[in-house]
Amino acid sequence: MPGSVVFGVSREIDGRAFVQHLAEPLPVTAELLALAGEAPPGEVFRFAAACATDACAHFDGANCRLAQKLVASDLDRVSAVPPCRIRADCRWFTQEGTRACLVCPLIFSENAAPAAELAHAADPFTWG
């Protein structure tokens, strides 16, 4: 998407994958995407872009249903709100507050084998 930034990188510690937030978001460029090597960039980087509103199947006309489903889910959460340079402009934070911040580091832009709970939340045509 035009104006997209990378604000995190996938990491793993003690067998648990999470998004490590960058000190500053970086514009998405071909050179940056090439750093993913053979992996799909969405599995390596966490991207952010302006809310697409009506162009997104998750948008209900007022809210992001993806954010709603993620914070209502039984997905794992981190124990503390991470430092984040996009929070001031983050749709999820504006809508759901720090509850979104606690699940955010465990959400990846692309996941080849998502857990059932995550796949359900990501499906824009399911609720509940």
C-alpha atoms as a PDB file:
ATOM      1  CA  MET A   1       0.000   0.000   0.000  1.00  0.00           C
ATOM      2  CA  PRO A   2       1.244   3.506  -0.671  1.00  0.00           C
ATOM      3  CA  GLY A   3       2.613   5.132   2.474  1.00  0.00           C
ATOM      4  CA  SER A   4       3.228   1.796   4.223  1.00  0.00           C
ATOM      5  CA  VAL A   5       5.922   1.527   6.852  1.00  0.00           C
ATOM      6  CA  VAL A   6       7.703  -1.307   8.592  1.00  0.00           C
ATOM      7  CA  PHE A   7       7.388  -0.873  12.335  1.00  0.00           C
ATOM      8  CA  GLY A   8       8.568  -4.256  13.541  1.00  0.00           C
ATOM      9  CA  VAL A   9      10.611  -7.338  12.763  1.00  0.00           C
ATOM     10  CA  SER A  10       9.755 -10.946  13.564  1.00  0.00           C
ATOM     11  CA  ARG A  11      11.880 -12.448  16.333  1.00  0.00           C
ATOM     12  CA  GLU A  12      11.862 -15.598  18.373  1.00  0.00           C
ATOM     13  CA  ILE A  13      12.974 -16.076  21.960  1.00  0.00           C
ATOM     14  CA  ASP A  14      12.605 -19.366  23.802  1.00  0.00           C
ATOM     15  CA  GLY A  15      10.495 -20.764  20.972  1.00  0.00           C
ATOM     16  CA  ARG A  16       7.976 -17.905  21.028  1.00  0.00           C
ATOM     17  CA  ALA A  17       7.644 -15.710  17.962  1.00  0.00           C
ATOM     18  CA  PHE A  18       6.799 -12.042  18.401  1.00  0.00           C
ATOM     19  CA  VAL A  19       7.177  -8.691  16.680  1.00  0.00           C
ATOM     20  CA  GLN A  20      10.087  -6.604  17.944  1.00  0.00           C
ATOM     21  CA  HIS A  21       9.152  -2.959  17.425  1.00  0.00           C
ATOM     22  CA  LEU A  22      11.712  -0.769  15.657  1.00  0.00           C
ATOM     23  CA  ALA A  23      12.980   2.426  17.252  1.00  0.00           C
ATOM     24  CA  GLU A  24      11.518   4.297  14.262  1.00  0.00           C
ATOM     25  CA  PRO A  25       9.215   3.079  11.461  1.00  0.00           C
ATOM     26  CA  LEU A  26      10.911   2.714   8.083  1.00  0.00           C
ATOM     27  CA  PRO A  27       9.326   3.446   4.701  1.00  0.00           C
ATOM     28  CA  VAL A  28       8.721   0.328   2.649  1.00  0.00           C
ATOM     29  CA  THR A  29      11.245   0.213  -0.186  1.00  0.00           C
ATOM     30  CA  ALA A  30      12.433  -2.491  -2.546  1.00  0.00           C
ATOM     31  CA  GLU A  31      15.765  -2.522  -0.716  1.00  0.00           C
ATOM     32  CA  LEU A  32      14.068  -3.058   2.641  1.00  0.00           C
ATOM     33  CA  LEU A  33      11.845  -5.836   1.293  1.00  0.00           C
ATOM     34  CA  ALA A  34      14.918  -7.538  -0.181  1.00  0.00           C
ATOM     35  CA  LEU A  35      16.263  -7.962   3.363  1.00  0.00           C
ATOM     36  CA  ALA A  36      13.632 -10.664   3.875  1.00  0.00           C
ATOM     37  CA  GLY A  37      15.657 -12.870   1.527  1.00  0.00           C
ATOM     38  CA  GLU A  38      13.713 -15.929   0.389  1.00  0.00           C
ATOM     39  CA  ALA A  39      11.002 -15.501   3.041  1.00  0.00           C
ATOM     40  CA  PRO A  40       7.788 -13.633   2.267  1.00  0.00           C
ATOM     41  CA  PRO A  41       8.324 -10.061   3.573  1.00  0.00           C
ATOM     42  CA  GLY A  42       5.120 -10.274   5.630  1.00  0.00           C
ATOM     43  CA  GLU A  43       6.598 -13.133   7.646  1.00  0.00           C
ATOM     44  CA  VAL A  44       9.698 -11.082   8.465  1.00  0.00           C
ATOM     45  CA  PHE A  45       8.363  -7.542   8.805  1.00  0.00           C
ATOM     46  CA  ARG A  46       5.279  -6.063  10.466  1.00  0.00           C
ATOM     47  CA  PHE A  47       3.724  -3.437   8.232  1.00  0.00           C
ATOM     48  CA  ALA A  48       1.437  -0.519   8.997  1.00  0.00           C
ATOM     49  CA  ALA A  49      -0.524   1.709   6.659  1.00  0.00           C
ATOM     50  CA  ALA A  50      -3.370   4.136   6.891  1.00  0.00           C
ATOM     51  CA  CYS A  51      -6.744   2.493   7.487  1.00  0.00           C
ATOM     52  CA  ALA A  52      -8.334   1.666   4.125  1.00  0.00           C
ATOM     53  CA  THR A  53     -11.817   2.193   5.638  1.00  0.00           C
ATOM     54  CA  ASP A  54     -14.480   1.139   3.111  1.00  0.00           C
ATOM     55  CA  ALA A  55     -11.882  -0.533   0.861  1.00  0.00           C
ATOM     56  CA  CYS A  56     -11.229  -3.105   3.613  1.00  0.00           C
ATOM     57  CA  ALA A  57     -13.524  -6.051   4.310  1.00  0.00           C
ATOM     58  CA  HIS A  58     -12.810  -5.684   8.061  1.00  0.00           C
ATOM     59  CA  PHE A  59     -14.219  -2.148   8.207  1.00  0.00           C
ATOM     60  CA  ASP A  60     -17.881  -1.999   9.209  1.00  0.00           C
ATOM     61  CA  GLY A  61     -18.394   1.671   8.390  1.00  0.00           C
ATOM     62  CA  ALA A  62     -17.240   2.867  11.802  1.00  0.00           C
ATOM     63  CA  ASN A  63     -14.811   0.329  13.285  1.00  0.00           C
ATOM     64  CA  CYS A  64     -12.169  -2.235  12.417  1.00  0.00           C
ATOM     65  CA  ARG A  65     -13.734  -5.616  13.125  1.00  0.00           C
ATOM     66  CA  LEU A  66     -10.287  -7.252  12.952  1.00  0.00           C
ATOM     67  CA  ALA A  67      -9.136  -5.220  15.949  1.00  0.00           C
ATOM     68  CA  GLN A  68     -12.386  -5.996  17.768  1.00  0.00           C
ATOM     69  CA  LYS A  69     -12.030  -9.731  17.167  1.00  0.00           C
ATOM     70  CA  LEU A  70      -8.357  -9.806  18.131  1.00  0.00           C
ATOM     71  CA  VAL A  71      -8.912  -8.122  21.493  1.00  0.00           C
ATOM     72  CA  ALA A  72     -11.974 -10.298  22.192  1.00  0.00           C
ATOM     73  CA  SER A  73     -10.135 -13.514  21.271  1.00  0.00           C
ATOM     74  CA  ASP A  74      -8.367 -16.031  23.473  1.00  0.00           C
ATOM     75  CA  LEU A  75      -5.073 -15.358  21.664  1.00  0.00           C
ATOM     76  CA  ASP A  76      -1.937 -14.969  23.757  1.00  0.00           C
ATOM     77  CA  ARG A  77      -0.969 -11.500  24.871  1.00  0.00           C
ATOM     78  CA  VAL A  78       2.190  -9.844  26.066  1.00  0.00           C
ATOM     79  CA  SER A  79       2.326  -8.802  29.712  1.00  0.00           C
ATOM     80  CA  ALA A  80       3.156  -5.122  29.155  1.00  0.00           C
ATOM     81  CA  VAL A  81       2.351  -2.511  26.527  1.00  0.00           C
ATOM     82  CA  PRO A  82       5.409  -2.323  24.262  1.00  0.00           C
ATOM     83  CA  PRO A  83       6.992   0.956  23.187  1.00  0.00           C
ATOM     84  CA  CYS A  84       5.518   1.850  19.815  1.00  0.00           C
ATOM     85  CA  ARG A  85       6.199   4.670  17.375  1.00  0.00           C
ATOM     86  CA  ILE A  86       2.938   4.273  15.429  1.00  0.00           C
ATOM     87  CA  ARG A  87       0.553   4.294  18.411  1.00  0.00           C
ATOM     88  CA  ALA A  88      -0.464   7.939  17.896  1.00  0.00           C
ATOM     89  CA  ASP A  89      -1.774   7.028  14.418  1.00  0.00           C
ATOM     90  CA  CYS A  90      -2.788   3.426  15.080  1.00  0.00           C
ATOM     91  CA  ARG A  91      -6.391   2.571  14.220  1.00  0.00           C
ATOM     92  CA  TRP A  92      -6.355  -0.425  16.558  1.00  0.00           C
ATOM     93  CA  PHE A  93      -5.119   1.663  19.510  1.00  0.00           C
ATOM     94  CA  THR A  94      -7.530   4.525  18.810  1.00  0.00           C
ATOM     95  CA  GLN A  95     -10.420   2.082  18.693  1.00  0.00           C
ATOM     96  CA  GLU A  96      -9.498  -0.566  21.292  1.00  0.00           C
ATOM     97  CA  GLY A  97      -6.930   1.160  23.520  1.00  0.00           C
ATOM     98  CA  THR A  98      -4.131  -0.728  25.215  1.00  0.00           C
ATOM     99  CA  ARG A  99      -5.991  -4.037  24.822  1.00  0.00           C
ATOM    100  CA  ALA A 100      -4.914  -3.885  21.159  1.00  0.00           C
ATOM    101  CA  CYS A 101      -1.318  -3.135  22.189  1.00  0.00           C
ATOM    102  CA  LEU A 102      -1.163  -6.308  24.290  1.00  0.00           C
ATOM    103  CA  VAL A 103      -2.065  -8.577  21.363  1.00  0.00           C
ATOM    104  CA  CYS A 104      -0.263  -6.578  18.650  1.00  0.00           C
ATOM    105  CA  PRO A 105       3.280  -8.000  19.146  1.00  0.00           C
ATOM    106  CA  LEU A 106       1.959 -11.508  18.524  1.00  0.00           C
ATOM    107  CA  ILE A 107       0.269 -10.632  15.221  1.00  0.00           C
ATOM    108  CA  PHE A 108       2.279 -10.912  12.017  1.00  0.00           C
ATOM    109  CA  SER A 109       1.529  -9.250   8.695  1.00  0.00           C
ATOM    110  CA  GLU A 110       1.592 -12.680   7.059  1.00  0.00           C
ATOM    111  CA  ASN A 111       1.328 -16.083   8.671  1.00  0.00           C
ATOM    112  CA  ALA A 112       1.535 -19.255   6.572  1.00  0.00           C
ATOM    113  CA  ALA A 113       0.062 -21.465   9.306  1.00  0.00           C
ATOM    114  CA  PRO A 114      -2.059 -19.358  11.662  1.00  0.00           C
ATOM    115  CA  ALA A 115      -3.632 -20.879  14.763  1.00  0.00           C
ATOM    116  CA  ALA A 116      -7.363 -21.523  14.388  1.00  0.00           C
ATOM    117  CA  GLU A 117      -8.251 -18.577  16.665  1.00  0.00           C
ATOM    118  CA  LEU A 118      -6.123 -16.211  14.591  1.00  0.00           C
ATOM    119  CA  ALA A 119      -7.486 -17.521  11.289  1.00  0.00           C
ATOM    120  CA  HIS A 120     -11.013 -16.979  12.617  1.00  0.00           C
ATOM    121  CA  ALA A 121     -10.219 -13.410  13.685  1.00  0.00           C
ATOM    122  CA  ALA A 122      -8.597 -12.663  10.323  1.00  0.00           C
ATOM    123  CA  ASP A 123     -11.623 -13.877   8.355  1.00  0.00           C
ATOM    124  CA  PRO A 124     -13.631 -10.712   7.660  1.00  0.00           C
ATOM    125  CA  PHE A 125     -16.813 -12.718   7.132  1.00  0.00           C
ATOM    126  CA  THR A 126     -17.008 -14.390  10.544  1.00  0.00           C
ATOM    127  CA  TRP A 127     -17.927 -12.997  13.920  1.00  0.00           C
ATOM    128  CA  GLY A 128     -18.270 -14.494  17.352  1.00  0.00           C
END
